[in-house]
Amino acid sequence: MSDTAALLSLLSSSFLSATLLPGSSEAVLIALLIAGKSSFWPLVIVATAGNTLGGLTNVILGRFFPVRATSRWRGKATRLLERFGPVTLLLSWLPVMGDLLCLLAGWLRLRWGPVIVFIGIGKLLRYLIVGLAAVQGMAWWQ
């Protein structure tokens, strides 16, 4: 597999993992690091970009849901986002909960700038931790 194909597979895996579809972009990232298909930073940046774009897709989908004055979601599931705002999206990397936070950010019509920044930072921290753990593990096992 060429470097370009490896990066494209990581991009697609990380994008799909951030949507409501199941995926395992961390496993792909670790496999590519172990195989030495590319250096650390390009892999982390591509994974972050794909996962961020997937999270933003969920935000866009959330904007299609109608806004109601009263709703059971308004009282319970959105309390965190309403209290802390877009900063909550630093948790968008969490499985299932992160998808829900992105959908709710769109549903609440949060401003795009902070949404993009905080989703991106959250996803970057995730892949940095996974990537560094994989590199450290490889060094330890050799």
C-alpha atoms as a PDB file:
ATOM      1  CA  MET A   1       0.000   0.000   0.000  1.00  0.00           C
ATOM      2  CA  SER A   2       1.379   3.402  -0.951  1.00  0.00           C
ATOM      3  CA  ASP A   3       1.583   6.333   1.436  1.00  0.00           C
ATOM      4  CA  THR A   4      -1.255   8.073  -0.403  1.00  0.00           C
ATOM      5  CA  ALA A   5      -3.520   5.025  -0.178  1.00  0.00           C
ATOM      6  CA  ALA A   6      -2.677   4.636   3.506  1.00  0.00           C
ATOM      7  CA  LEU A   7      -3.548   8.262   4.232  1.00  0.00           C
ATOM      8  CA  LEU A   8      -6.789   8.029   2.219  1.00  0.00           C
ATOM      9  CA  SER A   9      -7.829   4.888   4.078  1.00  0.00           C
ATOM     10  CA  LEU A  10      -7.133   6.622   7.391  1.00  0.00           C
ATOM     11  CA  LEU A  11      -9.069   9.707   6.264  1.00  0.00           C
ATOM     12  CA  SER A  12     -12.114   7.665   5.261  1.00  0.00           C
ATOM     13  CA  SER A  13     -11.959   5.509   8.394  1.00  0.00           C
ATOM     14  CA  SER A  14     -11.692   8.519  10.688  1.00  0.00           C
ATOM     15  CA  PHE A  15     -14.512  10.319   8.863  1.00  0.00           C
ATOM     16  CA  LEU A  16     -16.860   7.338   9.128  1.00  0.00           C
ATOM     17  CA  SER A  17     -15.913   6.786  12.769  1.00  0.00           C
ATOM     18  CA  ALA A  18     -17.047  10.304  13.641  1.00  0.00           C
ATOM     19  CA  THR A  19     -20.466   9.876  12.082  1.00  0.00           C
ATOM     20  CA  LEU A  20     -23.169   7.629  13.479  1.00  0.00           C
ATOM     21  CA  LEU A  21     -21.666   4.722  11.532  1.00  0.00           C
ATOM     22  CA  PRO A  22     -19.421   2.319  13.419  1.00  0.00           C
ATOM     23  CA  GLY A  23     -15.715   2.519  12.750  1.00  0.00           C
ATOM     24  CA  SER A  24     -12.327   2.017  14.287  1.00  0.00           C
ATOM     25  CA  SER A  25     -10.033   4.790  13.175  1.00  0.00           C
ATOM     26  CA  GLU A  26      -7.746   4.295  16.176  1.00  0.00           C
ATOM     27  CA  ALA A  27      -6.986   0.741  15.019  1.00  0.00           C
ATOM     28  CA  VAL A  28      -6.204   1.997  11.517  1.00  0.00           C
ATOM     29  CA  LEU A  29      -3.944   4.738  12.917  1.00  0.00           C
ATOM     30  CA  ILE A  30      -2.058   2.259  15.098  1.00  0.00           C
ATOM     31  CA  ALA A  31      -1.739  -0.250  12.252  1.00  0.00           C
ATOM     32  CA  LEU A  32      -0.303   2.404   9.943  1.00  0.00           C
ATOM     33  CA  LEU A  33       2.122   3.571  12.627  1.00  0.00           C
ATOM     34  CA  ILE A  34       3.294  -0.005  13.222  1.00  0.00           C
ATOM     35  CA  ALA A  35       3.617  -0.664   9.477  1.00  0.00           C
ATOM     36  CA  GLY A  36       5.624   2.545   9.070  1.00  0.00           C
ATOM     37  CA  LYS A  37       3.468   3.696   6.152  1.00  0.00           C
ATOM     38  CA  SER A  38       3.949   7.341   6.997  1.00  0.00           C
ATOM     39  CA  SER A  39       5.466   9.432   9.742  1.00  0.00           C
ATOM     40  CA  PHE A  40       3.638  10.309  12.942  1.00  0.00           C
ATOM     41  CA  TRP A  41       2.438  13.861  12.215  1.00  0.00           C
ATOM     42  CA  PRO A  42       0.879  13.289   8.767  1.00  0.00           C
ATOM     43  CA  LEU A  43      -1.070  10.335  10.169  1.00  0.00           C
ATOM     44  CA  VAL A  44      -2.301  12.314  13.202  1.00  0.00           C
ATOM     45  CA  ILE A  45      -3.247  15.336  11.071  1.00  0.00           C
ATOM     46  CA  VAL A  46      -5.136  13.243   8.495  1.00  0.00           C
ATOM     47  CA  ALA A  47      -6.974  11.300  11.216  1.00  0.00           C
ATOM     48  CA  THR A  48      -7.863  14.559  12.978  1.00  0.00           C
ATOM     49  CA  ALA A  49      -9.087  16.166   9.744  1.00  0.00           C
ATOM     50  CA  GLY A  50     -11.274  13.190   8.825  1.00  0.00           C
ATOM     51  CA  ASN A  51     -12.738  12.854  12.299  1.00  0.00           C
ATOM     52  CA  THR A  52     -13.371  16.594  12.546  1.00  0.00           C
ATOM     53  CA  LEU A  53     -15.158  16.594   9.179  1.00  0.00           C
ATOM     54  CA  GLY A  54     -17.274  13.672  10.363  1.00  0.00           C
ATOM     55  CA  GLY A  55     -18.168  15.537  13.550  1.00  0.00           C
ATOM     56  CA  LEU A  56     -19.117  18.608  11.512  1.00  0.00           C
ATOM     57  CA  THR A  57     -21.319  16.374   9.367  1.00  0.00           C
ATOM     58  CA  ASN A  58     -23.204  15.476  12.543  1.00  0.00           C
ATOM     59  CA  VAL A  59     -23.518  19.183  13.369  1.00  0.00           C
ATOM     60  CA  ILE A  60     -25.018  19.798   9.918  1.00  0.00           C
ATOM     61  CA  LEU A  61     -27.434  16.892  10.395  1.00  0.00           C
ATOM     62  CA  GLY A  62     -28.445  18.341  13.763  1.00  0.00           C
ATOM     63  CA  ARG A  63     -29.384  21.605  12.070  1.00  0.00           C
ATOM     64  CA  PHE A  64     -32.034  19.763  10.051  1.00  0.00           C
ATOM     65  CA  PHE A  65     -33.982  18.823  13.183  1.00  0.00           C
ATOM     66  CA  PRO A  66     -36.780  21.286  13.903  1.00  0.00           C
ATOM     67  CA  VAL A  67     -36.371  23.535  16.913  1.00  0.00           C
ATOM     68  CA  ARG A  68     -39.294  23.343  19.310  1.00  0.00           C
ATOM     69  CA  ALA A  69     -40.041  25.636  22.205  1.00  0.00           C
ATOM     70  CA  THR A  70     -40.712  22.660  24.484  1.00  0.00           C
ATOM     71  CA  SER A  71     -39.103  19.301  24.143  1.00  0.00           C
ATOM     72  CA  ARG A  72     -37.869  16.564  26.455  1.00  0.00           C
ATOM     73  CA  TRP A  73     -34.420  16.942  24.805  1.00  0.00           C
ATOM     74  CA  ARG A  74     -34.320  20.622  25.698  1.00  0.00           C
ATOM     75  CA  GLY A  75     -34.488  19.886  29.413  1.00  0.00           C
ATOM     76  CA  LYS A  76     -32.180  16.874  29.784  1.00  0.00           C
ATOM     77  CA  ALA A  77     -29.780  16.160  26.942  1.00  0.00           C
ATOM     78  CA  THR A  78     -28.889  19.752  26.141  1.00  0.00           C
ATOM     79  CA  ARG A  79     -28.222  20.925  29.691  1.00  0.00           C
ATOM     80  CA  LEU A  80     -24.468  20.425  29.309  1.00  0.00           C
ATOM     81  CA  LEU A  81     -24.263  22.290  25.999  1.00  0.00           C
ATOM     82  CA  GLU A  82     -26.490  25.103  27.198  1.00  0.00           C
ATOM     83  CA  ARG A  83     -24.448  25.505  30.368  1.00  0.00           C
ATOM     84  CA  PHE A  84     -20.921  25.351  28.965  1.00  0.00           C
ATOM     85  CA  GLY A  85     -21.541  26.138  25.289  1.00  0.00           C
ATOM     86  CA  PRO A  86     -19.195  25.021  22.513  1.00  0.00           C
ATOM     87  CA  VAL A  87     -16.406  24.172  24.997  1.00  0.00           C
ATOM     88  CA  THR A  88     -18.375  20.994  25.680  1.00  0.00           C
ATOM     89  CA  LEU A  89     -17.442  19.857  22.177  1.00  0.00           C
ATOM     90  CA  LEU A  90     -13.944  19.092  23.452  1.00  0.00           C
ATOM     91  CA  LEU A  91     -15.670  15.841  24.470  1.00  0.00           C
ATOM     92  CA  SER A  92     -16.801  15.133  20.893  1.00  0.00           C
ATOM     93  CA  TRP A  93     -14.225  12.328  20.674  1.00  0.00           C
ATOM     94  CA  LEU A  94     -16.193  10.176  23.120  1.00  0.00           C
ATOM     95  CA  PRO A  95     -17.981   7.184  21.579  1.00  0.00           C
ATOM     96  CA  VAL A  96     -21.752   7.718  21.131  1.00  0.00           C
ATOM     97  CA  MET A  97     -21.835  10.710  23.518  1.00  0.00           C
ATOM     98  CA  GLY A  98     -19.599  12.691  21.164  1.00  0.00           C
ATOM     99  CA  ASP A  99     -21.917  12.022  18.224  1.00  0.00           C
ATOM    100  CA  LEU A 100     -24.857  13.173  20.309  1.00  0.00           C
ATOM    101  CA  LEU A 101     -23.030  16.347  21.383  1.00  0.00           C
ATOM    102  CA  CYS A 102     -22.297  17.219  17.748  1.00  0.00           C
ATOM    103  CA  LEU A 103     -25.916  16.598  16.738  1.00  0.00           C
ATOM    104  CA  LEU A 104     -27.147  18.740  19.617  1.00  0.00           C
ATOM    105  CA  ALA A 105     -24.677  21.526  18.765  1.00  0.00           C
ATOM    106  CA  GLY A 106     -26.304  21.690  15.348  1.00  0.00           C
ATOM    107  CA  TRP A 107     -29.788  21.446  16.801  1.00  0.00           C
ATOM    108  CA  LEU A 108     -29.053  24.326  19.190  1.00  0.00           C
ATOM    109  CA  ARG A 109     -27.619  26.330  16.255  1.00  0.00           C
ATOM    110  CA  LEU A 110     -24.315  27.052  18.000  1.00  0.00           C
ATOM    111  CA  ARG A 111     -22.002  29.406  16.083  1.00  0.00           C
ATOM    112  CA  TRP A 112     -19.745  27.701  13.528  1.00  0.00           C
ATOM    113  CA  GLY A 113     -16.410  29.210  14.564  1.00  0.00           C
ATOM    114  CA  PRO A 114     -16.272  27.889  18.129  1.00  0.00           C
ATOM    115  CA  VAL A 115     -17.866  24.597  17.070  1.00  0.00           C
ATOM    116  CA  ILE A 116     -15.143  23.927  14.488  1.00  0.00           C
ATOM    117  CA  VAL A 117     -12.339  24.956  16.860  1.00  0.00           C
ATOM    118  CA  PHE A 118     -13.462  22.875  19.838  1.00  0.00           C
ATOM    119  CA  ILE A 119     -14.348  19.780  17.819  1.00  0.00           C
ATOM    120  CA  GLY A 120     -10.955  20.007  16.102  1.00  0.00           C
ATOM    121  CA  ILE A 121      -9.046  20.412  19.369  1.00  0.00           C
ATOM    122  CA  GLY A 122     -10.894  17.496  20.971  1.00  0.00           C
ATOM    123  CA  LYS A 123     -10.219  15.208  18.013  1.00  0.00           C
ATOM    124  CA  LEU A 124      -6.564  16.277  17.816  1.00  0.00           C
ATOM    125  CA  LEU A 125      -5.990  15.503  21.499  1.00  0.00           C
ATOM    126  CA  ARG A 126      -7.577  12.084  20.996  1.00  0.00           C
ATOM    127  CA  TYR A 127      -5.304  11.117  18.103  1.00  0.00           C
ATOM    128  CA  LEU A 128      -2.235  12.591  19.773  1.00  0.00           C
ATOM    129  CA  ILE A 129      -2.813  10.443  22.840  1.00  0.00           C
ATOM    130  CA  VAL A 130      -3.547   7.302  20.804  1.00  0.00           C
ATOM    131  CA  GLY A 131      -0.603   7.915  18.473  1.00  0.00           C
ATOM    132  CA  LEU A 132       1.863   8.687  21.253  1.00  0.00           C
ATOM    133  CA  ALA A 133       0.726   5.632  23.194  1.00  0.00           C
ATOM    134  CA  ALA A 134       1.242   3.480  20.099  1.00  0.00           C
ATOM    135  CA  VAL A 135       4.702   4.904  19.426  1.00  0.00           C
ATOM    136  CA  GLN A 136       5.673   4.496  23.074  1.00  0.00           C
ATOM    137  CA  GLY A 137       4.343   0.942  23.047  1.00  0.00           C
ATOM    138  CA  MET A 138       6.333   0.123  19.920  1.00  0.00           C
ATOM    139  CA  ALA A 139       9.504   1.503  21.518  1.00  0.00           C
ATOM    140  CA  TRP A 140       8.853  -0.446  24.673  1.00  0.00           C
ATOM    141  CA  TRP A 141       8.295  -3.776  22.846  1.00  0.00           C
ATOM    142  CA  GLN A 142      11.435  -3.499  20.739  1.00  0.00           C
END
